Amino acid sequence: MAARQIFNPEGFKNIETDGKITGFQFQYKAQYYRGFTLSIVHEIKVNVDGTDYAREDISMTVNGETFTLDQMLTVVDSDYRWEFGEFATVNVKKEGGLAKGSHHITTVTTIVPSYMPFPNVSTAEADFVIE
């Protein structure tokens, strides 16, 4: 059986705002057996090519709305869920974005469901290309 694809290979892009490249984004799936509200996402760590990105520079877009990681802790509205099997978009502020070409990403996501006595920490890695 083939492994479930975590990263969307077409979801890696630089972010352009008012004609300037202000960061990059990627799409990936939650590594959990069900969907959940954003409030249980306590951390998303992003490392690209050996560079760690600061928590305050990371946000997530779900259903057309973007939330910082701190804001996500307060989102209990069921309209903003990270559903099982669906890609969520993670945005990372980085002036100039990523250079064109090949890169390697590692993410570490920590979710804390209220019904579990411990956090769920999952790591994912992939090689990707910025065109």
N, C-alpha and C. Protein backbone atom coordinates (compact mmCIF):
# COMPACT_ATOMS: atom_id res chain seq x y z
N MET A 1 0.84 -1.17 0.00
CA MET A 1 0.00 0.00 0.00
C MET A 1 0.89 1.24 0.00
N ALA A 2 0.54 2.23 -0.80
CA ALA A 2 1.31 3.46 -0.89
C ALA A 2 1.02 4.36 0.31
N ALA A 3 2.03 5.11 0.72
CA ALA A 3 1.86 6.05 1.83
C ALA A 3 0.94 7.19 1.40
N ARG A 4 0.23 7.75 2.35
CA ARG A 4 -0.64 8.89 2.09
C ARG A 4 0.21 10.11 1.80
N GLN A 5 -0.10 10.83 0.74
CA GLN A 5 0.65 12.02 0.35
C GLN A 5 0.32 13.15 1.33
N ILE A 6 1.33 13.63 2.04
CA ILE A 6 1.13 14.68 3.04
C ILE A 6 1.17 16.07 2.39
N PHE A 7 2.19 16.33 1.57
CA PHE A 7 2.36 17.64 0.93
C PHE A 7 1.77 17.63 -0.47
N ASN A 8 1.15 18.73 -0.85
CA ASN A 8 0.66 18.91 -2.20
C ASN A 8 1.83 19.42 -3.04
N PRO A 9 2.32 18.64 -4.01
CA PRO A 9 3.48 19.07 -4.78
C PRO A 9 3.24 20.37 -5.55
N GLU A 10 1.98 20.69 -5.83
CA GLU A 10 1.66 21.92 -6.55
C GLU A 10 1.35 23.08 -5.60
N GLY A 11 1.47 22.83 -4.28
CA GLY A 11 1.11 23.85 -3.29
C GLY A 11 2.27 24.69 -2.79
N PHE A 12 3.48 24.44 -3.29
CA PHE A 12 4.66 25.22 -2.87
C PHE A 12 4.80 26.42 -3.79
N LYS A 13 4.65 27.62 -3.21
CA LYS A 13 4.70 28.85 -4.02
C LYS A 13 5.23 30.00 -3.18
N ASN A 14 5.82 30.97 -3.85
CA ASN A 14 6.14 32.22 -3.19
C ASN A 14 4.87 33.06 -3.12
N ILE A 15 4.78 33.90 -2.10
CA ILE A 15 3.62 34.77 -1.89
C ILE A 15 3.98 36.17 -2.39
N GLU A 16 3.15 36.70 -3.27
CA GLU A 16 3.36 38.05 -3.79
C GLU A 16 2.29 38.97 -3.23
N THR A 17 2.72 40.09 -2.63
CA THR A 17 1.81 41.09 -2.08
C THR A 17 2.21 42.46 -2.63
N ASP A 18 1.30 43.12 -3.31
CA ASP A 18 1.56 44.44 -3.89
C ASP A 18 2.83 44.45 -4.73
N GLY A 19 3.02 43.41 -5.53
CA GLY A 19 4.16 43.34 -6.44
C GLY A 19 5.47 42.92 -5.82
N LYS A 20 5.47 42.61 -4.52
CA LYS A 20 6.70 42.18 -3.83
C LYS A 20 6.52 40.76 -3.31
N ILE A 21 7.60 39.99 -3.35
CA ILE A 21 7.56 38.64 -2.77
C ILE A 21 7.78 38.80 -1.27
N THR A 22 6.78 38.38 -0.49
CA THR A 22 6.79 38.60 0.97
C THR A 22 6.94 37.31 1.78
N GLY A 23 6.96 36.18 1.09
CA GLY A 23 7.07 34.92 1.80
C GLY A 23 6.81 33.74 0.88
N PHE A 24 6.51 32.62 1.49
CA PHE A 24 6.19 31.42 0.71
C PHE A 24 5.06 30.67 1.41
N GLN A 25 4.48 29.75 0.68
CA GLN A 25 3.39 28.95 1.25
C GLN A 25 3.50 27.51 0.75
N PHE A 26 2.86 26.64 1.49
CA PHE A 26 2.77 25.25 1.08
C PHE A 26 1.46 24.69 1.59
N GLN A 27 1.06 23.58 1.02
CA GLN A 27 -0.17 22.92 1.42
C GLN A 27 0.16 21.52 1.90
N TYR A 28 -0.43 21.16 3.04
CA TYR A 28 -0.23 19.81 3.55
C TYR A 28 -1.42 19.35 4.36
N LYS A 29 -1.43 18.04 4.60
CA LYS A 29 -2.55 17.42 5.30
C LYS A 29 -2.18 17.16 6.76
N ALA A 30 -3.18 17.22 7.61
CA ALA A 30 -2.98 16.87 9.02
C ALA A 30 -2.66 15.38 9.10
N GLN A 31 -1.75 15.05 9.98
CA GLN A 31 -1.39 13.65 10.18
C GLN A 31 -2.13 13.13 11.42
N TYR A 32 -3.43 13.04 11.26
CA TYR A 32 -4.30 12.61 12.34
C TYR A 32 -5.44 11.84 11.73
N TYR A 33 -6.14 11.06 12.50
CA TYR A 33 -7.16 10.17 11.96
C TYR A 33 -8.51 10.83 11.73
N ARG A 34 -8.64 12.11 12.06
CA ARG A 34 -9.92 12.80 11.88
C ARG A 34 -9.68 14.29 11.72
N GLY A 35 -10.72 15.02 11.32
CA GLY A 35 -10.64 16.46 11.24
C GLY A 35 -10.79 17.08 12.62
N PHE A 36 -10.38 18.35 12.76
CA PHE A 36 -10.46 19.00 14.06
C PHE A 36 -10.51 20.52 13.91
N THR A 37 -11.00 21.19 14.97
CA THR A 37 -11.01 22.65 14.98
C THR A 37 -9.58 23.16 15.11
N LEU A 38 -9.35 24.37 14.66
CA LEU A 38 -8.00 24.92 14.67
C LEU A 38 -7.46 25.14 16.08
N SER A 39 -8.36 25.23 17.07
CA SER A 39 -7.93 25.53 18.43
C SER A 39 -7.03 24.45 19.04
N ILE A 40 -7.03 23.25 18.48
CA ILE A 40 -6.16 22.22 19.06
C ILE A 40 -4.77 22.17 18.40
N VAL A 41 -4.57 23.02 17.39
CA VAL A 41 -3.24 23.12 16.76
C VAL A 41 -2.40 24.07 17.61
N HIS A 42 -1.47 23.54 18.36
CA HIS A 42 -0.67 24.35 19.26
C HIS A 42 0.64 24.80 18.64
N GLU A 43 1.11 24.10 17.61
CA GLU A 43 2.40 24.47 17.02
C GLU A 43 2.51 23.91 15.62
N ILE A 44 3.08 24.71 14.73
CA ILE A 44 3.54 24.24 13.42
C ILE A 44 4.94 24.80 13.26
N LYS A 45 5.91 23.93 13.27
CA LYS A 45 7.30 24.34 13.06
C LYS A 45 7.64 24.07 11.60
N VAL A 46 8.35 25.02 10.99
CA VAL A 46 8.72 24.91 9.59
C VAL A 46 10.22 25.11 9.46
N ASN A 47 10.86 24.18 8.76
CA ASN A 47 12.29 24.27 8.46
C ASN A 47 12.44 23.99 6.97
N VAL A 48 13.05 24.94 6.25
CA VAL A 48 13.34 24.75 4.83
C VAL A 48 14.83 24.91 4.62
N ASP A 49 15.44 23.90 4.06
CA ASP A 49 16.88 23.91 3.75
C ASP A 49 17.73 24.26 4.96
N GLY A 50 17.32 23.77 6.14
CA GLY A 50 18.10 23.99 7.35
C GLY A 50 17.79 25.27 8.10
N THR A 51 16.85 26.08 7.60
CA THR A 51 16.47 27.33 8.26
C THR A 51 15.14 27.14 8.97
N ASP A 52 15.13 27.40 10.29
CA ASP A 52 13.89 27.38 11.07
C ASP A 52 13.20 28.73 10.96
N TYR A 53 11.89 28.73 10.82
CA TYR A 53 11.12 29.96 10.74
C TYR A 53 10.39 30.21 12.05
N ALA A 54 10.34 31.46 12.46
CA ALA A 54 9.78 31.86 13.74
C ALA A 54 8.26 31.66 13.77
N ARG A 55 7.77 31.29 14.92
CA ARG A 55 6.33 31.07 15.14
C ARG A 55 5.52 32.27 14.68
N GLU A 56 5.98 33.47 14.98
CA GLU A 56 5.21 34.67 14.63
C GLU A 56 5.18 34.93 13.12
N ASP A 57 6.01 34.23 12.35
CA ASP A 57 6.02 34.39 10.89
C ASP A 57 5.18 33.34 10.18
N ILE A 58 4.50 32.48 10.94
CA ILE A 58 3.74 31.38 10.36
C ILE A 58 2.25 31.60 10.60
N SER A 59 1.47 31.39 9.55
CA SER A 59 0.01 31.46 9.66
C SER A 59 -0.60 30.35 8.81
N MET A 60 -1.90 30.11 9.01
CA MET A 60 -2.59 29.08 8.25
C MET A 60 -3.87 29.65 7.67
N THR A 61 -4.15 29.26 6.44
CA THR A 61 -5.39 29.67 5.78
C THR A 61 -6.31 28.47 5.66
N VAL A 62 -7.53 28.62 6.19
CA VAL A 62 -8.56 27.60 6.13
C VAL A 62 -9.87 28.28 5.74
N ASN A 63 -10.57 27.73 4.76
CA ASN A 63 -11.85 28.30 4.30
C ASN A 63 -11.75 29.78 3.98
N GLY A 64 -10.64 30.19 3.39
CA GLY A 64 -10.46 31.56 2.95
C GLY A 64 -10.06 32.55 4.03
N GLU A 65 -9.92 32.11 5.26
CA GLU A 65 -9.51 32.98 6.37
C GLU A 65 -8.12 32.59 6.85
N THR A 66 -7.31 33.59 7.16
CA THR A 66 -5.94 33.34 7.61
C THR A 66 -5.82 33.68 9.09
N PHE A 67 -5.16 32.79 9.83
CA PHE A 67 -4.97 32.94 11.27
C PHE A 67 -3.51 32.73 11.62
N THR A 68 -3.00 33.55 12.55
CA THR A 68 -1.67 33.27 13.09
C THR A 68 -1.79 32.03 13.98
N LEU A 69 -0.66 31.47 14.37
CA LEU A 69 -0.71 30.30 15.26
C LEU A 69 -1.35 30.66 16.60
N ASP A 70 -1.08 31.86 17.11
CA ASP A 70 -1.70 32.27 18.38
C ASP A 70 -3.21 32.46 18.21
N GLN A 71 -3.64 33.03 17.11
CA GLN A 71 -5.08 33.19 16.87
C GLN A 71 -5.77 31.84 16.74
N MET A 72 -5.09 30.87 16.13
CA MET A 72 -5.70 29.56 15.95
C MET A 72 -6.10 28.93 17.28
N LEU A 73 -5.36 29.20 18.33
CA LEU A 73 -5.67 28.64 19.65
C LEU A 73 -7.05 29.06 20.16
N THR A 74 -7.59 30.16 19.61
CA THR A 74 -8.88 30.68 20.06
C THR A 74 -10.01 30.37 19.09
N VAL A 75 -9.72 29.72 17.96
CA VAL A 75 -10.74 29.46 16.94
C VAL A 75 -11.46 28.15 17.24
N VAL A 76 -12.68 28.27 17.74
CA VAL A 76 -13.49 27.09 18.03
C VAL A 76 -14.68 26.99 17.06
N ASP A 77 -14.82 27.96 16.18
CA ASP A 77 -15.90 27.97 15.19
C ASP A 77 -15.74 26.75 14.28
N SER A 78 -16.78 25.96 14.15
CA SER A 78 -16.70 24.74 13.34
C SER A 78 -16.57 25.03 11.85
N ASP A 79 -16.71 26.29 11.43
CA ASP A 79 -16.49 26.65 10.03
C ASP A 79 -15.00 26.61 9.67
N TYR A 80 -14.15 26.63 10.67
CA TYR A 80 -12.71 26.65 10.44
C TYR A 80 -12.10 25.39 11.04
N ARG A 81 -12.18 24.33 10.26
CA ARG A 81 -11.66 23.02 10.67
C ARG A 81 -10.61 22.58 9.67
N TRP A 82 -9.66 21.81 10.17
CA TRP A 82 -8.68 21.17 9.30
C TRP A 82 -9.20 19.75 9.13
N GLU A 83 -9.89 19.52 8.04
CA GLU A 83 -10.57 18.25 7.82
C GLU A 83 -9.60 17.16 7.39
N PHE A 84 -9.86 15.95 7.81
CA PHE A 84 -9.05 14.81 7.42
C PHE A 84 -9.01 14.71 5.90
N GLY A 85 -7.81 14.55 5.36
CA GLY A 85 -7.64 14.37 3.92
C GLY A 85 -7.62 15.63 3.10
N GLU A 86 -7.88 16.79 3.73
CA GLU A 86 -7.86 18.06 3.00
C GLU A 86 -6.56 18.80 3.25
N PHE A 87 -6.06 19.45 2.19
CA PHE A 87 -4.86 20.26 2.34
C PHE A 87 -5.21 21.59 3.00
N ALA A 88 -4.39 22.00 3.97
CA ALA A 88 -4.47 23.35 4.54
C ALA A 88 -3.27 24.12 3.97
N THR A 89 -3.39 25.43 3.89
CA THR A 89 -2.31 26.25 3.37
C THR A 89 -1.58 26.92 4.53
N VAL A 90 -0.27 26.71 4.59
CA VAL A 90 0.57 27.35 5.60
C VAL A 90 1.36 28.45 4.90
N ASN A 91 1.33 29.63 5.50
CA ASN A 91 2.02 30.80 4.95
C ASN A 91 3.19 31.14 5.86
N VAL A 92 4.33 31.47 5.26
CA VAL A 92 5.52 31.83 6.04
C VAL A 92 6.05 33.16 5.51
N LYS A 93 6.18 34.14 6.41
CA LYS A 93 6.76 35.43 6.03
C LYS A 93 8.26 35.27 5.84
N LYS A 94 8.73 35.70 4.67
CA LYS A 94 10.17 35.70 4.40
C LYS A 94 10.40 36.64 3.24
N GLU A 95 11.01 37.77 3.52
CA GLU A 95 11.24 38.76 2.49
C GLU A 95 11.99 38.12 1.32
N GLY A 96 11.44 38.28 0.13
CA GLY A 96 12.04 37.70 -1.07
C GLY A 96 11.63 36.26 -1.34
N GLY A 97 10.94 35.62 -0.38
CA GLY A 97 10.48 34.25 -0.57
C GLY A 97 11.63 33.27 -0.68
N LEU A 98 11.38 32.18 -1.35
CA LEU A 98 12.39 31.15 -1.57
C LEU A 98 12.94 31.27 -2.99
N ALA A 99 14.20 30.98 -3.16
CA ALA A 99 14.83 31.02 -4.48
C ALA A 99 14.20 29.95 -5.38
N LYS A 100 14.19 30.22 -6.66
CA LYS A 100 13.71 29.21 -7.61
C LYS A 100 14.64 28.01 -7.54
N GLY A 101 14.03 26.83 -7.68
CA GLY A 101 14.82 25.61 -7.66
C GLY A 101 14.36 24.65 -6.60
N SER A 102 15.22 23.67 -6.30
CA SER A 102 14.89 22.58 -5.38
C SER A 102 15.13 22.96 -3.93
N HIS A 103 14.24 22.47 -3.06
CA HIS A 103 14.32 22.73 -1.63
C HIS A 103 13.89 21.48 -0.86
N HIS A 104 14.16 21.49 0.45
CA HIS A 104 13.72 20.41 1.33
C HIS A 104 12.99 21.04 2.52
N ILE A 105 11.82 20.52 2.84
CA ILE A 105 11.02 21.04 3.96
C ILE A 105 10.82 19.95 5.01
N THR A 106 10.87 20.38 6.27
CA THR A 106 10.49 19.54 7.40
C THR A 106 9.49 20.33 8.22
N THR A 107 8.36 19.70 8.55
CA THR A 107 7.38 20.34 9.43
C THR A 107 7.18 19.45 10.65
N VAL A 108 6.92 20.11 11.77
CA VAL A 108 6.54 19.41 13.00
C VAL A 108 5.26 20.07 13.48
N THR A 109 4.20 19.29 13.56
CA THR A 109 2.90 19.81 13.96
C THR A 109 2.50 19.18 15.29
N THR A 110 2.09 20.04 16.23
CA THR A 110 1.64 19.57 17.53
C THR A 110 0.17 19.93 17.70
N ILE A 111 -0.65 18.91 17.90
CA ILE A 111 -2.06 19.14 18.22
C ILE A 111 -2.33 18.55 19.61
N VAL A 112 -3.28 19.20 20.30
CA VAL A 112 -3.58 18.78 21.66
C VAL A 112 -5.10 18.58 21.80
N PRO A 113 -5.59 17.41 21.40
CA PRO A 113 -7.02 17.13 21.57
C PRO A 113 -7.37 17.03 23.06
N SER A 114 -8.51 17.57 23.44
CA SER A 114 -8.89 17.60 24.85
C SER A 114 -9.13 16.20 25.41
N TYR A 115 -9.42 15.24 24.56
CA TYR A 115 -9.73 13.90 25.02
C TYR A 115 -8.51 12.98 25.10
N MET A 116 -7.33 13.54 24.83
CA MET A 116 -6.11 12.73 24.92
C MET A 116 -5.24 13.25 26.06
N PRO A 117 -4.57 12.38 26.79
CA PRO A 117 -3.75 12.81 27.92
C PRO A 117 -2.37 13.35 27.52
N PHE A 118 -2.10 13.39 26.22
CA PHE A 118 -0.79 13.84 25.75
C PHE A 118 -0.95 14.48 24.37
N PRO A 119 -0.02 15.34 23.98
CA PRO A 119 -0.10 15.95 22.64
C PRO A 119 0.26 14.95 21.56
N ASN A 120 -0.23 15.20 20.36
CA ASN A 120 0.10 14.41 19.19
C ASN A 120 1.10 15.24 18.38
N VAL A 121 2.32 14.73 18.24
CA VAL A 121 3.38 15.44 17.51
C VAL A 121 3.72 14.63 16.27
N SER A 122 3.62 15.26 15.11
CA SER A 122 3.92 14.55 13.87
C SER A 122 4.90 15.36 13.01
N THR A 123 5.79 14.63 12.37
CA THR A 123 6.82 15.22 11.51
C THR A 123 6.58 14.77 10.08
N ALA A 124 6.79 15.68 9.15
CA ALA A 124 6.69 15.35 7.73
C ALA A 124 7.83 16.04 6.99
N GLU A 125 8.33 15.39 5.96
CA GLU A 125 9.42 15.94 5.15
C GLU A 125 9.13 15.71 3.68
N ALA A 126 9.65 16.61 2.84
CA ALA A 126 9.50 16.45 1.39
C ALA A 126 10.52 17.32 0.68
N ASP A 127 10.85 16.89 -0.52
CA ASP A 127 11.61 17.73 -1.44
C ASP A 127 10.60 18.40 -2.36
N PHE A 128 10.88 19.64 -2.74
CA PHE A 128 9.94 20.36 -3.61
C PHE A 128 10.70 21.36 -4.46
N VAL A 129 9.99 21.92 -5.43
CA VAL A 129 10.60 22.88 -6.36
C VAL A 129 9.76 24.15 -6.38
N ILE A 130 10.44 25.29 -6.32
CA ILE A 130 9.80 26.60 -6.53
C ILE A 130 10.14 27.00 -7.96
N GLU A 131 9.10 27.25 -8.72
CA GLU A 131 9.32 27.63 -10.14
C GLU A 131 9.27 29.12 -10.33
